Protein backbone atom coordinates (compact mmCIF):
# COMPACT_ATOMS: atom_id res chain seq x y z
CA UNK A 1 -48.96 -81.58 116.53
CA UNK A 2 -51.07 -83.52 114.07
CA UNK A 3 -52.52 -80.30 112.88
CA UNK A 4 -49.08 -78.89 112.21
CA UNK A 5 -48.18 -81.91 110.05
CA UNK A 6 -51.26 -81.47 107.96
CA UNK A 7 -50.42 -77.84 107.37
CA UNK A 8 -46.88 -78.73 106.48
CA UNK A 9 -48.05 -81.25 103.93
CA UNK A 10 -50.54 -78.80 102.57
CA UNK A 11 -47.84 -76.18 102.15
CA UNK A 12 -45.64 -78.61 100.32
CA UNK A 13 -48.50 -79.56 98.04
CA UNK A 14 -49.14 -75.95 97.21
CA UNK A 15 -45.48 -75.36 96.45
CA UNK A 16 -45.45 -78.43 94.21
CA UNK A 17 -48.50 -77.24 92.31
CA UNK A 18 -47.02 -73.79 91.93
CA UNK A 19 -43.79 -75.31 90.65
CA UNK A 20 -45.67 -77.47 88.13
CA UNK A 21 -47.67 -74.46 86.89
CA UNK A 22 -44.50 -72.42 86.57
CA UNK A 23 -42.87 -75.14 84.50
CA UNK A 24 -45.99 -75.37 82.31
CA UNK A 25 -46.03 -71.63 81.77
CA UNK A 26 -42.36 -71.61 80.85
CA UNK A 27 -42.91 -74.49 78.46
CA UNK A 28 -45.87 -72.80 76.80
CA UNK A 29 -43.94 -69.59 76.49
CA UNK A 30 -41.10 -71.40 74.82
CA UNK A 31 -43.43 -72.97 72.20
CA UNK A 32 -44.96 -69.59 71.33
CA UNK A 33 -41.55 -68.09 70.81
CA UNK A 34 -40.60 -70.93 68.49
CA UNK A 35 -43.87 -70.72 66.50
CA UNK A 36 -43.88 -66.93 66.26
CA UNK A 37 -40.37 -65.75 65.31
CA UNK A 38 -39.30 -62.23 65.89
CA UNK A 39 -40.58 -59.96 63.08
CA UNK A 40 -37.22 -58.29 62.77
CA UNK A 41 -35.49 -61.60 62.33
CA UNK A 42 -38.05 -62.60 59.68
CA UNK A 43 -37.51 -59.40 57.76
CA UNK A 44 -33.81 -59.95 57.89
CA UNK A 45 -34.25 -63.47 56.58
CA UNK A 46 -36.47 -62.31 53.76
CA UNK A 47 -33.90 -59.75 52.69
CA UNK A 48 -31.21 -62.36 52.80
CA UNK A 49 -33.15 -64.88 50.71
CA UNK A 50 -34.70 -62.47 48.20
CA UNK A 51 -31.42 -60.94 47.15
CA UNK A 52 -29.61 -62.16 43.95
CA UNK A 53 -27.20 -65.00 44.42
CA UNK A 54 -24.27 -66.13 42.41
CA UNK A 55 -26.42 -68.69 40.63
CA UNK A 56 -29.37 -66.53 39.63
CA UNK A 57 -27.51 -63.35 38.67
CA UNK A 58 -27.86 -62.58 34.94
CA UNK A 59 -24.72 -63.44 33.10
CA UNK A 60 -23.33 -60.59 31.05
CA UNK A 61 -22.60 -61.92 27.61
CA UNK A 62 -19.40 -60.71 26.04
CA UNK A 63 -20.21 -58.55 23.06
CA UNK A 64 -17.75 -58.75 20.18
CA UNK A 65 -17.34 -55.76 17.94
CA UNK A 66 -18.89 -56.29 14.50
CA UNK A 67 -16.46 -57.62 11.99
CA UNK A 68 -16.00 -55.20 9.15
CA UNK A 69 -16.87 -56.88 5.87
CA UNK A 70 -15.43 -55.62 2.64
CA UNK A 71 -17.93 -54.36 0.15
CA UNK A 72 -17.83 -56.30 -3.10
CA UNK A 73 -15.83 -54.43 -5.70
CA UNK A 74 -17.57 -54.02 -9.00
CA UNK A 75 -15.54 -55.60 -11.78
CA UNK A 76 -15.34 -53.28 -14.72
CA UNK A 77 -15.13 -55.21 -17.96
CA UNK A 78 -13.70 -53.02 -20.62
CA UNK A 79 -15.00 -53.62 -24.07
CA UNK A 80 -12.30 -54.37 -26.58
CA UNK A 81 -11.62 -51.45 -28.84
CA UNK A 82 -12.53 -52.46 -32.37
CA UNK A 83 -9.59 -52.40 -34.69
CA UNK A 84 -10.27 -49.92 -37.46
CA UNK A 85 -10.51 -51.59 -40.84
CA UNK A 86 -7.97 -50.04 -43.14
CA UNK A 87 -8.74 -49.69 -46.78
CA UNK A 88 -7.47 -47.98 -49.90
CA UNK A 89 -10.03 -45.97 -51.82
CA UNK A 90 -9.66 -44.87 -55.42
CA UNK A 91 -12.24 -42.25 -56.29
CA UNK A 92 -10.79 -39.41 -58.37
CA UNK A 93 -11.53 -40.66 -61.88
CA UNK A 94 -15.31 -40.92 -62.23
CA UNK A 95 -15.65 -44.24 -60.38
CA UNK A 96 -14.99 -45.60 -56.88
CA UNK A 97 -13.05 -48.68 -55.84
CA UNK A 98 -12.34 -49.80 -52.26
CA UNK A 99 -9.46 -52.20 -51.67
CA UNK A 100 -8.95 -54.03 -48.38
CA UNK A 101 -5.90 -52.87 -46.44
CA UNK A 102 -3.17 -50.50 -47.48
CA UNK A 103 -2.55 -51.23 -51.15
CA UNK A 104 0.20 -49.67 -53.21
CA UNK A 105 -1.46 -48.52 -56.42
CA UNK A 106 0.35 -47.44 -59.58
CA UNK A 107 -1.44 -44.90 -61.77
CA UNK A 108 -0.94 -44.27 -65.48
CA UNK A 109 -2.60 -43.01 -68.63
CA UNK A 110 -4.19 -45.29 -71.20
CA UNK A 111 -4.63 -43.05 -74.19
CA UNK A 112 -3.17 -39.96 -72.55
CA UNK A 113 -0.11 -39.10 -70.49
CA UNK A 114 -1.88 -39.51 -67.16
CA UNK A 115 -5.15 -40.76 -65.71
CA UNK A 116 -8.30 -38.63 -65.70
CA UNK A 117 -12.05 -39.15 -65.69
CA UNK A 118 -12.14 -40.14 -69.37
CA UNK A 119 -9.25 -42.63 -69.50
CA UNK A 120 -6.53 -44.19 -67.42
CA UNK A 121 -5.10 -47.30 -65.85
CA UNK A 122 -4.30 -48.54 -62.33
CA UNK A 123 -2.18 -51.54 -61.42
CA UNK A 124 -1.85 -53.07 -57.94
CA UNK A 125 -0.95 -56.28 -56.09
CA UNK A 126 -3.90 -57.60 -54.10
CA UNK A 127 -3.41 -60.40 -51.57
CA UNK A 128 -1.75 -62.97 -53.81
CA UNK A 129 -2.83 -61.71 -57.22
CA UNK A 130 -2.01 -58.93 -59.68
CA UNK A 131 -4.79 -56.70 -60.99
CA UNK A 132 -5.07 -54.14 -63.77
CA UNK A 133 -8.11 -51.90 -64.28
CA UNK A 134 -8.38 -49.83 -67.47
CA UNK A 135 -11.10 -47.29 -68.33
CA UNK A 136 -11.66 -45.35 -71.55
CA UNK A 137 -14.34 -44.05 -73.87
CA UNK A 138 -15.37 -46.04 -76.97
CA UNK A 139 -18.23 -47.91 -78.59
CA UNK A 140 -16.97 -51.38 -77.60
CA UNK A 141 -19.37 -53.86 -76.06
CA UNK A 142 -18.41 -55.81 -72.92
CA UNK A 143 -17.71 -58.88 -75.10
CA UNK A 144 -15.35 -56.87 -77.30
CA UNK A 145 -13.64 -55.46 -74.20
CA UNK A 146 -12.97 -59.00 -72.94
CA UNK A 147 -11.66 -60.19 -76.33
CA UNK A 148 -9.35 -57.19 -76.65
CA UNK A 149 -8.00 -57.61 -73.11
CA UNK A 150 -7.38 -61.33 -73.62
CA UNK A 151 -5.48 -60.81 -76.88
CA UNK A 152 -3.43 -58.01 -75.39
CA UNK A 153 -2.43 -60.23 -72.46
CA UNK A 154 -1.42 -63.15 -74.70
CA UNK A 155 0.62 -60.95 -77.00
CA UNK A 156 2.53 -59.45 -74.07
CA UNK A 157 3.79 -62.90 -73.01
CA UNK A 158 4.62 -64.88 -76.20
CA UNK A 159 6.65 -67.53 -74.36
CA UNK A 160 3.57 -68.74 -72.41
CA UNK A 161 0.51 -70.61 -73.64
CA UNK A 162 -3.00 -69.31 -72.80
CA UNK A 163 -6.06 -71.54 -72.79
CA UNK A 164 -9.60 -70.31 -72.24
CA UNK A 165 -11.55 -72.45 -69.73
CA UNK A 166 -14.74 -70.52 -68.88
CA UNK A 167 -16.88 -67.47 -69.67
CA UNK A 168 -20.07 -65.91 -68.42
CA UNK A 169 -21.81 -62.81 -67.07
CA UNK A 170 -21.74 -61.17 -63.64
CA UNK A 171 -23.33 -58.11 -61.95
CA UNK A 172 -21.24 -55.03 -61.21
CA UNK A 173 -22.56 -51.76 -59.76
CA UNK A 174 -26.02 -52.36 -61.23
CA UNK A 175 -24.63 -53.18 -64.66
CA UNK A 176 -23.98 -56.50 -66.38
CA UNK A 177 -20.43 -57.46 -67.16
CA UNK A 178 -18.91 -60.45 -68.92
CA UNK A 179 -15.78 -62.42 -68.09
CA UNK A 180 -13.49 -65.05 -69.54
CA UNK A 181 -11.41 -67.45 -67.42
CA UNK A 182 -8.13 -68.89 -68.63
CA UNK A 183 -5.07 -70.81 -67.52
CA UNK A 184 -1.42 -70.23 -68.37
CA UNK A 185 0.99 -73.04 -69.25
CA UNK A 186 4.75 -73.06 -69.48
CA UNK A 187 6.13 -76.10 -71.35
CA UNK A 188 2.94 -78.04 -70.72
CA UNK A 189 2.78 -77.30 -66.97
CA UNK A 190 0.17 -74.94 -65.57
CA UNK A 191 1.85 -71.97 -63.94
CA UNK A 192 -1.17 -69.77 -63.25
CA UNK A 193 -4.40 -68.41 -64.60
CA UNK A 194 -6.80 -65.53 -64.36
CA UNK A 195 -9.87 -63.63 -65.49
CA UNK A 196 -10.42 -60.91 -68.04
CA UNK A 197 -13.66 -58.96 -67.80
CA UNK A 198 -15.44 -55.91 -69.20
CA UNK A 199 -18.49 -53.75 -68.53
CA UNK A 200 -19.97 -50.35 -69.39
CA UNK A 201 -21.23 -47.78 -66.88
CA UNK A 202 -24.45 -46.43 -68.44
CA UNK A 203 -24.35 -42.91 -67.04
CA UNK A 204 -20.77 -42.04 -67.99
CA UNK A 205 -20.57 -44.44 -70.96
CA UNK A 206 -17.08 -45.31 -69.83
CA UNK A 207 -15.70 -48.76 -70.66
CA UNK A 208 -13.91 -50.80 -67.99
CA UNK A 209 -11.59 -53.75 -68.47
CA UNK A 210 -10.42 -55.68 -65.37
CA UNK A 211 -7.71 -58.35 -65.57
CA UNK A 212 -6.75 -60.44 -62.50
CA UNK A 213 -3.97 -63.07 -62.63
CA UNK A 214 -2.20 -65.29 -60.11
CA UNK A 215 -0.60 -68.70 -59.51
CA UNK A 216 -3.60 -70.24 -57.70
CA UNK A 217 -6.95 -70.43 -59.46
CA UNK A 218 -9.04 -70.35 -56.26
CA UNK A 219 -7.31 -67.24 -54.91
CA UNK A 220 -7.65 -65.53 -58.28
CA UNK A 221 -11.39 -66.17 -58.35
CA UNK A 222 -11.90 -64.86 -54.79
CA UNK A 223 -9.90 -61.68 -55.38
CA UNK A 224 -11.61 -61.04 -58.72
CA UNK A 225 -15.03 -61.27 -57.10
CA UNK A 226 -13.95 -59.00 -54.24
CA UNK A 227 -12.73 -56.26 -56.60
CA UNK A 228 -15.93 -56.40 -58.63
CA UNK A 229 -18.09 -56.18 -55.50
CA UNK A 230 -16.18 -53.10 -54.28
CA UNK A 231 -16.48 -51.22 -57.57
CA UNK A 232 -19.02 -48.41 -58.11
CA UNK A 233 -19.73 -46.53 -61.33
CA UNK A 234 -20.13 -43.24 -59.42
CA UNK A 235 -17.28 -41.80 -57.40
């Protein structure tokens, strides 16, 4: 009987040990499973974590079409068309004379019935003055031409008084001319004035007498000088 009890206790001890070992094995097996996850599960996790997420996906920037810019238009600056300078040229009688603008010229003979290369006369208004140019053949000197022109002018207007105020020489087409300046009075009041002048063109030996008159002395002087400067002995 005592022997049976000992065996019973021994059997229970063995069962207890076996149970403890079984629990230990189960526990150890559970730790290994936790430390070494299933390879398939790991691969699935890696795929899940390595894929792009909403936060790390590249953002597609909106591209706007290029705005068409207008090419600069070249500004064409047109040059002003120069206004042609009109002039009146007299050149059929052995000399040449250019007058500014369109001038109405009256032609006549001096010693003949009409003008030609040896004699003649032209008369024209010229920007505030009246001018007369006479040409002829003679032996008169420029001084004699001036004296004759002055006397002729005085005698043609006996109701007016003429007073000489200046005289001198001036160049004209390479020649030397002389002039006499005067003023005109009417009852003691000055009503105008002018210049008488004369010169000889050496090549043709023609004599020229120019008389310019007007109400304003300054204008008369300017127009006289302009006519002389535009005169040429050769046509």
